[in-house]
């Protein structure tokens, strides 16, 4: 089968970053972000369109300046467990922090979602962007960059070890032999590492896809290397076609360097398509959306997130950009470093930095259906992506894409016309990981 595009849906609720005014849209319910029926309908619409996954973001720190969706939203694993019972094929990917969770507890929760859904769970591993999260978990300071990524790597390794606690044939449930569990197929982990000490075993069996699919969003060198080592799906930053090509090639190269098959890691870029009856109509709507959401105070607060939710309003807006480099190490270091470098090189004021950071940037995926399909095909063939993580402002925009663009991608042989499998791994073309204990026994001839 020829290579095909994967599509995921990222619901906005009442509005995430860059969508500050979405809650005012009369087509968006004011309680969408805490209404499970909203997510069920989103998942069912995406499943009807044969999308690969529903992707739920999360964070565990807010202040009053955060986007509306962040202020009042459901916990991802709870949310997706409910959605699982109303869907059959679509993957269910939840964001969860490796910095502010314990491996045993989180591995059990994801394994539960994986079984509830019949093998459709995915974990988007994050190290936590917001430095203020630490104070919600009893820590005075956010962990530094190196510690967070070292912990994340070990966390995933521990979780995968726990998911292999039971071999696939561990439960014969043989009444005649009075044998529910074959004890030789149950394995403790007994992990002792730099960050964790976990005995195991986990008290839940493997799902039809073996283990949840690991996703990650690595931008920095550390993040890219973590993704190349453990991820099976990546949420990539996108940018220009050339930037996306560089990122895609780098990730695939790093993956191969770690002895992995580059085809077993799927790169999803972010896409916020705007589809209209004509290119002109779609471009006009894109500009209108930007103007609706272009609030300077909100943009200034959003700039602060890269620096640990720092309050830039305490500074003179027309003075040179303040020296906040020390705040970047425990926040969004890569993005913050770029902001600082640009401000220094161009001698920008704080006002100019905030305006430039949130300036209008035309999306490539905007236009009439055939234009959007052409662009997606161009980017796909140019080696920038394996899939697109799609975000739509409302159901009307989702329907325009599903009804107008998806059929064109299908006609060109770029997107499926039916699901290939019932599991997330199966639809992404990823192998089922062999249970390590079964593999060891087979290698030993047992």
Protein backbone atom coordinates (compact mmCIF):
# COMPACT_ATOMS: atom_id res chain seq x y z
CA UNK A 1 0.00 0.00 0.00
CA UNK A 2 1.28 3.47 -0.87
CA UNK A 3 2.05 5.96 1.87
CA UNK A 4 -1.02 7.85 3.08
CA UNK A 5 -1.67 10.93 5.20
CA UNK A 6 -2.84 10.61 8.80
CA UNK A 7 -5.30 13.12 10.24
CA UNK A 8 -5.98 13.94 13.89
CA UNK A 9 -8.45 16.35 15.46
CA UNK A 10 -7.51 18.79 18.22
CA UNK A 11 -10.68 20.34 19.74
CA UNK A 12 -10.40 23.98 20.77
CA UNK A 13 -13.34 24.06 23.18
CA UNK A 14 -13.94 27.71 23.98
CA UNK A 15 -10.54 28.81 22.70
CA UNK A 16 -6.86 28.05 23.19
CA UNK A 17 -3.74 30.13 22.41
CA UNK A 18 -4.34 32.45 19.48
CA UNK A 19 -8.08 31.80 19.75
CA UNK A 20 -8.82 34.15 22.64
CA UNK A 21 -12.17 35.35 21.30
CA UNK A 22 -13.57 31.98 20.27
CA UNK A 23 -15.86 31.77 23.30
CA UNK A 24 -17.79 34.75 21.89
CA UNK A 25 -18.73 32.82 18.72
CA UNK A 26 -22.49 32.09 18.93
CA UNK A 27 -21.85 28.68 17.35
CA UNK A 28 -19.63 27.68 20.30
CA UNK A 29 -21.31 26.71 23.57
CA UNK A 30 -19.94 28.68 26.50
CA UNK A 31 -19.44 25.44 28.47
CA UNK A 32 -17.93 23.44 25.57
CA UNK A 33 -14.65 22.80 27.36
CA UNK A 34 -16.39 21.00 30.25
CA UNK A 35 -19.23 19.39 28.26
CA UNK A 36 -18.48 15.72 27.59
CA UNK A 37 -21.12 15.69 24.86
CA UNK A 38 -19.12 18.32 22.96
CA UNK A 39 -16.09 16.01 22.90
CA UNK A 40 -18.19 12.96 22.03
CA UNK A 41 -19.69 14.80 19.06
CA UNK A 42 -16.24 15.99 17.97
CA UNK A 43 -14.85 12.45 18.18
CA UNK A 44 -17.79 10.94 16.31
CA UNK A 45 -17.52 13.55 13.54
CA UNK A 46 -13.80 12.85 13.21
CA UNK A 47 -14.41 9.11 13.23
CA UNK A 48 -17.08 9.46 10.55
CA UNK A 49 -14.41 11.23 8.47
CA UNK A 50 -11.97 8.35 9.19
CA UNK A 51 -9.50 10.45 11.20
CA UNK A 52 -6.76 8.59 13.07
CA UNK A 53 -7.05 10.24 16.46
CA UNK A 54 -8.64 12.76 18.79
CA UNK A 55 -5.93 14.72 20.60
CA UNK A 56 -6.55 16.36 23.99
CA UNK A 57 -4.05 18.89 25.34
CA UNK A 58 -3.64 19.75 29.00
CA UNK A 59 -1.80 21.87 31.55
CA UNK A 60 -1.98 22.01 35.32
CA UNK A 61 -1.36 25.67 36.00
CA UNK A 62 -3.40 28.76 35.14
CA UNK A 63 -3.83 32.37 36.02
CA UNK A 64 -6.58 34.75 34.95
CA UNK A 65 -4.78 35.77 31.73
CA UNK A 66 -4.80 32.25 30.25
CA UNK A 67 -6.99 31.39 27.22
CA UNK A 68 -10.61 30.56 27.99
CA UNK A 69 -10.24 26.83 27.26
CA UNK A 70 -7.38 26.56 29.76
CA UNK A 71 -9.38 28.14 32.58
CA UNK A 72 -12.08 25.48 32.83
CA UNK A 73 -11.60 22.11 31.12
CA UNK A 74 -11.87 18.38 31.73
CA UNK A 75 -8.96 16.14 32.72
CA UNK A 76 -7.87 14.28 29.53
CA UNK A 77 -7.88 10.63 30.65
CA UNK A 78 -11.26 10.97 32.33
CA UNK A 79 -12.61 12.72 29.25
CA UNK A 80 -11.28 10.13 26.78
CA UNK A 81 -12.53 7.19 28.85
CA UNK A 82 -16.03 8.57 28.35
CA UNK A 83 -15.44 9.21 24.65
CA UNK A 84 -14.12 5.65 24.23
CA UNK A 85 -17.56 4.20 24.98
CA UNK A 86 -19.14 6.23 22.17
CA UNK A 87 -16.60 5.47 19.42
CA UNK A 88 -15.11 2.36 17.81
CA UNK A 89 -12.10 3.22 15.66
CA UNK A 90 -10.64 6.64 16.37
CA UNK A 91 -7.49 6.84 18.49
CA UNK A 92 -7.65 8.66 21.83
CA UNK A 93 -4.51 10.63 22.70
CA UNK A 94 -4.18 12.31 26.09
CA UNK A 95 -1.53 14.77 27.22
CA UNK A 96 0.05 13.93 30.59
CA UNK A 97 3.13 15.27 32.33
CA UNK A 98 6.12 13.10 33.13
CA UNK A 99 7.26 15.76 35.60
CA UNK A 100 4.13 15.84 37.75
CA UNK A 101 2.95 12.23 37.77
CA UNK A 102 4.22 8.91 39.10
CA UNK A 103 4.96 6.13 36.57
CA UNK A 104 2.89 3.41 38.25
CA UNK A 105 -0.23 5.53 38.58
CA UNK A 106 -0.07 6.99 35.10
CA UNK A 107 0.83 3.68 33.44
CA UNK A 108 -2.23 2.13 35.07
CA UNK A 109 -4.53 4.94 33.94
CA UNK A 110 -3.33 4.74 30.32
CA UNK A 111 -3.55 0.94 30.35
CA UNK A 112 -7.13 1.30 31.58
CA UNK A 113 -7.99 3.68 28.74
CA UNK A 114 -6.31 1.29 26.31
CA UNK A 115 -8.50 -1.61 27.47
CA UNK A 116 -11.68 0.47 27.71
CA UNK A 117 -11.17 1.59 24.10
CA UNK A 118 -10.08 -1.78 22.74
CA UNK A 119 -6.54 -0.64 21.99
CA UNK A 120 -6.91 3.00 20.92
CA UNK A 121 -5.00 4.89 23.62
CA UNK A 122 -2.07 7.22 23.06
CA UNK A 123 0.04 9.24 25.52
CA UNK A 124 1.41 12.65 24.57
CA UNK A 125 4.43 12.87 26.89
CA UNK A 126 5.17 16.41 28.08
CA UNK A 127 7.66 17.71 30.64
CA UNK A 128 5.34 20.63 31.58
CA UNK A 129 5.71 24.03 29.99
CA UNK A 130 4.36 26.18 32.82
CA UNK A 131 6.81 26.72 35.66
CA UNK A 132 4.01 27.59 38.06
CA UNK A 133 2.86 23.97 37.97
CA UNK A 134 5.53 23.11 40.55
CA UNK A 135 3.71 24.97 43.29
CA UNK A 136 0.58 22.91 42.68
CA UNK A 137 2.59 19.77 43.46
CA UNK A 138 4.44 20.84 46.57
CA UNK A 139 7.66 22.02 44.89
CA UNK A 140 9.05 25.53 45.23
CA UNK A 141 10.78 25.46 41.84
CA UNK A 142 10.15 23.89 38.44
CA UNK A 143 12.77 21.27 37.55
CA UNK A 144 15.51 22.40 35.18
CA UNK A 145 15.54 21.40 31.52
CA UNK A 146 18.03 18.53 31.72
CA UNK A 147 16.35 17.00 34.76
CA UNK A 148 12.89 17.19 33.18
CA UNK A 149 14.02 15.43 30.00
CA UNK A 150 16.08 12.83 31.87
CA UNK A 151 13.06 12.11 34.04
CA UNK A 152 10.80 11.90 30.97
CA UNK A 153 13.00 9.28 29.30
CA UNK A 154 13.14 7.12 32.42
CA UNK A 155 9.41 7.62 33.02
CA UNK A 156 8.52 6.22 29.58
CA UNK A 157 10.93 3.31 30.04
CA UNK A 158 9.33 2.47 33.41
CA UNK A 159 5.80 2.76 32.00
CA UNK A 160 6.65 0.44 29.12
CA UNK A 161 8.16 -2.04 31.56
CA UNK A 162 5.00 -1.94 33.68
CA UNK A 163 2.80 -2.44 30.61
CA UNK A 164 4.67 -5.71 30.07
CA UNK A 165 3.89 -7.00 33.57
CA UNK A 166 1.53 -9.62 32.16
CA UNK A 167 2.34 -11.65 29.06
CA UNK A 168 -0.50 -11.92 26.57
CA UNK A 169 -1.41 -15.47 27.65
CA UNK A 170 -1.16 -14.83 31.38
CA UNK A 171 -4.85 -15.49 32.10
CA UNK A 172 -5.91 -18.98 31.01
CA UNK A 173 -8.97 -18.79 33.33
CA UNK A 174 -9.09 -22.60 33.24
CA UNK A 175 -11.85 -23.78 35.58
CA UNK A 176 -10.93 -27.45 35.28
CA UNK A 177 -7.36 -26.76 36.38
CA UNK A 178 -8.50 -24.14 38.91
CA UNK A 179 -6.03 -21.76 37.23
CA UNK A 180 -7.09 -18.17 36.59
CA UNK A 181 -3.53 -16.76 36.33
CA UNK A 182 -0.41 -18.50 35.10
CA UNK A 183 2.06 -17.09 37.66
CA UNK A 184 5.00 -17.69 35.29
CA UNK A 185 3.49 -15.09 32.97
CA UNK A 186 3.43 -12.35 35.62
CA UNK A 187 6.60 -10.28 36.05
CA UNK A 188 7.71 -7.69 38.57
CA UNK A 189 9.68 -4.76 37.21
CA UNK A 190 12.02 -4.04 40.15
CA UNK A 191 13.23 -0.82 38.53
CA UNK A 192 15.79 1.30 40.36
CA UNK A 193 16.97 4.34 38.41
CA UNK A 194 18.10 7.93 38.76
CA UNK A 195 14.59 9.33 39.15
CA UNK A 196 12.33 6.39 40.03
CA UNK A 197 12.20 3.25 42.11
CA UNK A 198 9.24 1.09 41.04
CA UNK A 199 8.70 -2.54 42.02
CA UNK A 200 5.62 -3.52 40.02
CA UNK A 201 4.00 -5.53 38.63
CA UNK A 202 1.15 -3.50 37.19
CA UNK A 203 -2.27 -4.96 37.97
CA UNK A 204 -3.74 -4.68 34.48
CA UNK A 205 -3.15 -6.68 31.31
CA UNK A 206 -2.07 -5.58 27.84
CA UNK A 207 -4.60 -4.39 25.28
CA UNK A 208 -5.12 -5.57 21.68
CA UNK A 209 -2.44 -3.08 20.56
CA UNK A 210 0.04 -4.24 23.21
CA UNK A 211 0.81 -0.82 24.67
CA UNK A 212 -0.48 2.74 24.29
CA UNK A 213 1.15 4.70 21.47
CA UNK A 214 3.74 7.21 22.71
CA UNK A 215 3.54 10.75 21.31
CA UNK A 216 5.88 13.64 22.06
CA UNK A 217 6.42 17.23 20.96
CA UNK A 218 10.15 17.86 20.84
CA UNK A 219 11.48 21.20 19.57
CA UNK A 220 14.80 21.63 21.37
CA UNK A 221 17.76 19.32 20.78
CA UNK A 222 16.85 17.46 23.98
CA UNK A 223 13.22 17.25 22.96
CA UNK A 224 14.03 15.99 19.48
CA UNK A 225 16.37 13.37 20.87
CA UNK A 226 13.78 12.18 23.39
CA UNK A 227 11.23 11.92 20.59
CA UNK A 228 13.65 9.97 18.40
CA UNK A 229 14.36 7.55 21.23
CA UNK A 230 10.86 6.79 22.49
CA UNK A 231 8.11 8.44 20.42
CA UNK A 232 5.91 6.73 17.86
CA UNK A 233 4.10 9.93 17.00
CA UNK A 234 5.32 13.53 17.12
CA UNK A 235 3.42 16.79 17.27
CA UNK A 236 5.74 19.04 15.29
CA UNK A 237 5.83 22.85 15.29
CA UNK A 238 5.22 23.28 11.55
CA UNK A 239 6.35 26.75 10.40
CA UNK A 240 7.35 27.26 6.79
CA UNK A 241 7.65 24.38 4.35
CA UNK A 242 11.43 24.60 4.58
CA UNK A 243 11.37 24.58 8.41
CA UNK A 244 9.02 21.60 8.40
CA UNK A 245 11.29 19.75 5.98
CA UNK A 246 14.31 20.36 8.21
CA UNK A 247 12.47 19.16 11.31
CA UNK A 248 11.08 16.05 9.56
CA UNK A 249 14.47 15.04 8.13
CA UNK A 250 16.20 15.65 11.47
CA UNK A 251 13.71 13.54 13.42
CA UNK A 252 13.91 10.67 10.94
CA UNK A 253 17.72 10.83 11.00
CA UNK A 254 17.83 10.84 14.82
CA UNK A 255 15.38 7.93 14.91
CA UNK A 256 17.58 5.84 12.63
CA UNK A 257 20.64 6.75 14.69
CA UNK A 258 18.94 5.16 17.71
CA UNK A 259 18.49 1.93 15.78
CA UNK A 260 14.80 2.44 15.09
CA UNK A 261 12.86 2.24 11.83
CA UNK A 262 12.10 5.87 10.79
CA UNK A 263 8.76 4.68 9.38
CA UNK A 264 7.74 3.77 12.93
CA UNK A 265 7.60 7.39 14.03
CA UNK A 266 4.80 9.52 12.55
CA UNK A 267 5.30 13.28 12.39
CA UNK A 268 2.12 15.36 12.71
CA UNK A 269 2.32 19.09 12.07
CA UNK A 270 -0.24 21.54 13.41
CA UNK A 271 -2.81 22.77 10.94
CA UNK A 272 -5.65 25.24 11.34
CA UNK A 273 -7.34 25.08 7.92
CA UNK A 274 -9.80 27.71 6.81
CA UNK A 275 -11.88 26.45 3.91
CA UNK A 276 -14.12 28.67 1.81
CA UNK A 277 -16.01 28.48 -1.46
CA UNK A 278 -13.16 30.47 -3.05
CA UNK A 279 -9.57 31.26 -2.14
CA UNK A 280 -10.48 34.91 -1.67
CA UNK A 281 -13.33 34.11 0.71
CA UNK A 282 -11.13 31.81 2.81
CA UNK A 283 -8.28 34.34 3.01
CA UNK A 284 -10.70 37.06 4.01
CA UNK A 285 -12.11 34.84 6.76
CA UNK A 286 -8.59 33.99 7.96
CA UNK A 287 -7.83 37.69 8.35
CA UNK A 288 -11.15 38.29 10.12
CA UNK A 289 -10.35 35.53 12.61
CA UNK A 290 -6.99 37.11 13.36
CA UNK A 291 -8.53 40.54 13.90
CA UNK A 292 -11.18 39.05 16.22
CA UNK A 293 -8.49 37.49 18.42
CA UNK A 294 -5.77 40.16 18.23
CA UNK A 295 -6.00 41.51 21.77
CA UNK A 296 -2.72 43.12 22.90
CA UNK A 297 -3.09 42.43 26.62
CA UNK A 298 -3.83 38.77 25.93
CA UNK A 299 -0.90 38.61 23.54
CA UNK A 300 1.40 40.10 26.19
CA UNK A 301 0.24 37.46 28.68
CA UNK A 302 0.75 34.74 26.07
CA UNK A 303 4.32 35.97 25.54
CA UNK A 304 4.88 35.46 29.26
CA UNK A 305 4.12 31.74 29.04
CA UNK A 306 7.47 31.13 27.33
CA UNK A 307 9.12 32.63 30.39
CA UNK A 308 7.29 30.72 33.10
CA UNK A 309 4.05 32.74 33.03
CA UNK A 310 6.08 35.88 33.68
CA UNK A 311 4.08 39.09 34.00
CA UNK A 312 5.55 41.45 31.39
CA UNK A 313 2.97 44.12 32.22
CA UNK A 314 5.21 45.32 35.08
CA UNK A 315 7.66 46.72 32.50
CA UNK A 316 7.58 49.83 30.35
CA UNK A 317 6.20 48.64 27.01
CA UNK A 318 8.31 51.10 25.05
CA UNK A 319 11.58 50.36 26.81
CA UNK A 320 14.04 47.79 25.43
CA UNK A 321 12.97 44.18 25.88
CA UNK A 322 13.86 43.27 29.51
CA UNK A 323 16.59 40.86 30.50
CA UNK A 324 14.61 37.71 31.30
CA UNK A 325 16.99 35.08 29.95
CA UNK A 326 17.21 33.46 33.39
CA UNK A 327 13.50 32.64 33.22
CA UNK A 328 13.79 30.65 29.99
CA UNK A 329 15.73 27.69 31.43
CA UNK A 330 12.74 26.39 33.37
CA UNK A 331 10.10 27.45 30.86
CA UNK A 332 9.87 27.09 27.10
CA UNK A 333 13.62 27.41 26.59
CA UNK A 334 13.82 27.03 22.81
CA UNK A 335 11.04 29.48 22.00
CA UNK A 336 12.17 31.92 24.67
CA UNK A 337 15.75 31.89 23.37
CA UNK A 338 14.51 32.77 19.88
CA UNK A 339 12.48 35.67 21.25
CA UNK A 340 15.45 37.02 23.22
CA UNK A 341 17.83 36.68 20.27
CA UNK A 342 15.46 38.46 17.89
CA UNK A 343 14.84 41.27 20.38
CA UNK A 344 18.56 41.77 20.92
CA UNK A 345 19.52 41.68 17.24
CA UNK A 346 16.74 44.04 16.14
CA UNK A 347 16.84 46.24 19.29
CA UNK A 348 13.10 45.76 19.85
CA UNK A 349 10.99 47.19 22.64
CA UNK A 350 8.74 44.98 24.74
CA UNK A 351 5.71 46.28 22.82
CA UNK A 352 7.35 45.41 19.49
CA UNK A 353 8.29 41.91 20.67
CA UNK A 354 4.73 41.22 21.81
CA UNK A 355 3.31 42.53 18.55
CA UNK A 356 5.81 40.62 16.42
CA UNK A 357 5.32 37.38 18.33
CA UNK A 358 1.61 37.51 17.62
CA UNK A 359 1.68 39.10 14.16
CA UNK A 360 -0.56 37.77 11.40
CA UNK A 361 1.03 34.77 9.70
CA UNK A 362 -0.81 33.36 6.76
CA UNK A 363 -1.49 29.63 7.07
CA UNK A 364 -0.64 27.47 4.05
CA UNK A 365 -3.85 25.45 4.50
CA UNK A 366 -6.35 28.17 3.58
CA UNK A 367 -8.46 28.42 0.45
CA UNK A 368 -11.08 26.63 -1.59
CA UNK A 369 -11.19 22.84 -1.05
CA UNK A 370 -9.01 22.05 -4.07
CA UNK A 371 -6.44 24.66 -2.99
CA UNK A 372 -6.21 23.22 0.52
CA UNK A 373 -5.97 19.66 -0.87
CA UNK A 374 -3.24 20.78 -3.30
CA UNK A 375 -1.24 22.34 -0.46
CA UNK A 376 -1.58 19.29 1.79
CA UNK A 377 -0.43 17.07 -1.08
CA UNK A 378 2.50 19.38 -1.81
CA UNK A 379 3.67 19.38 1.80
CA UNK A 380 3.18 15.63 2.13
CA UNK A 381 5.17 14.85 -1.01
CA UNK A 382 7.87 17.37 0.00
CA UNK A 383 8.75 15.37 3.12
CA UNK A 384 7.37 17.64 5.83
CA UNK A 385 4.81 15.42 7.52
CA UNK A 386 3.20 12.05 7.95
CA UNK A 387 0.03 13.61 9.26
CA UNK A 388 -1.70 16.83 10.31
CA UNK A 389 -3.12 17.63 13.74
CA UNK A 390 -6.14 19.68 12.73
CA UNK A 391 -7.83 22.38 14.79
CA UNK A 392 -11.09 24.05 13.79
CA UNK A 393 -12.83 26.97 15.44
CA UNK A 394 -16.29 25.42 15.25
CA UNK A 395 -18.25 22.54 13.78
CA UNK A 396 -19.03 24.47 10.60
CA UNK A 397 -15.32 24.77 9.84
CA UNK A 398 -14.78 21.07 10.58
CA UNK A 399 -17.65 20.16 8.25
CA UNK A 400 -16.25 22.33 5.45
CA UNK A 401 -12.95 20.46 5.66
CA UNK A 402 -14.52 17.01 5.98
CA UNK A 403 -17.03 17.54 3.17
CA UNK A 404 -14.76 19.52 0.85
CA UNK A 405 -11.13 18.51 1.37
CA UNK A 406 -11.22 14.91 2.63
CA UNK A 407 -12.99 13.54 -0.50
CA UNK A 408 -10.33 15.16 -2.69
CA UNK A 409 -7.53 13.57 -0.65
CA UNK A 410 -9.30 10.22 -0.93
CA UNK A 411 -9.78 10.59 -4.67
CA UNK A 412 -6.04 11.20 -5.03
CA UNK A 413 -5.23 8.09 -2.99
CA UNK A 414 -3.72 10.18 -0.19
CA UNK A 415 -6.21 9.31 2.56
CA UNK A 416 -8.05 6.15 3.54
CA UNK A 417 -11.58 5.29 2.44
CA UNK A 418 -12.05 2.91 5.37
CA UNK A 419 -10.25 2.11 8.60
CA UNK A 420 -7.49 -0.47 8.29
CA UNK A 421 -7.81 -1.64 11.90
CA UNK A 422 -9.64 -1.25 15.20
CA UNK A 423 -6.54 -0.06 17.06
CA UNK A 424 -4.60 3.18 16.94
CA UNK A 425 -1.39 1.30 16.12
CA UNK A 426 -3.08 -0.54 13.28
CA UNK A 427 -4.39 2.64 11.67
CA UNK A 428 -1.04 4.42 12.05
CA UNK A 429 0.80 1.44 10.54
CA UNK A 430 2.80 0.83 13.72
CA UNK A 431 3.84 -2.62 14.93
CA UNK A 432 2.52 -4.19 18.13
CA UNK A 433 5.45 -4.19 20.57
CA UNK A 434 6.35 -7.72 21.65
CA UNK A 435 6.15 -8.39 25.36
CA UNK A 436 9.75 -8.29 26.52
CA UNK A 437 9.37 -11.34 28.75
CA UNK A 438 7.79 -13.43 26.01
CA UNK A 439 10.54 -12.36 23.64
CA UNK A 440 13.26 -13.27 26.14
CA UNK A 441 11.75 -16.69 26.74
CA UNK A 442 11.46 -17.35 23.01
CA UNK A 443 15.06 -16.32 22.45
CA UNK A 444 16.10 -18.67 25.23
CA UNK A 445 14.15 -21.49 23.56
CA UNK A 446 11.63 -21.77 26.37
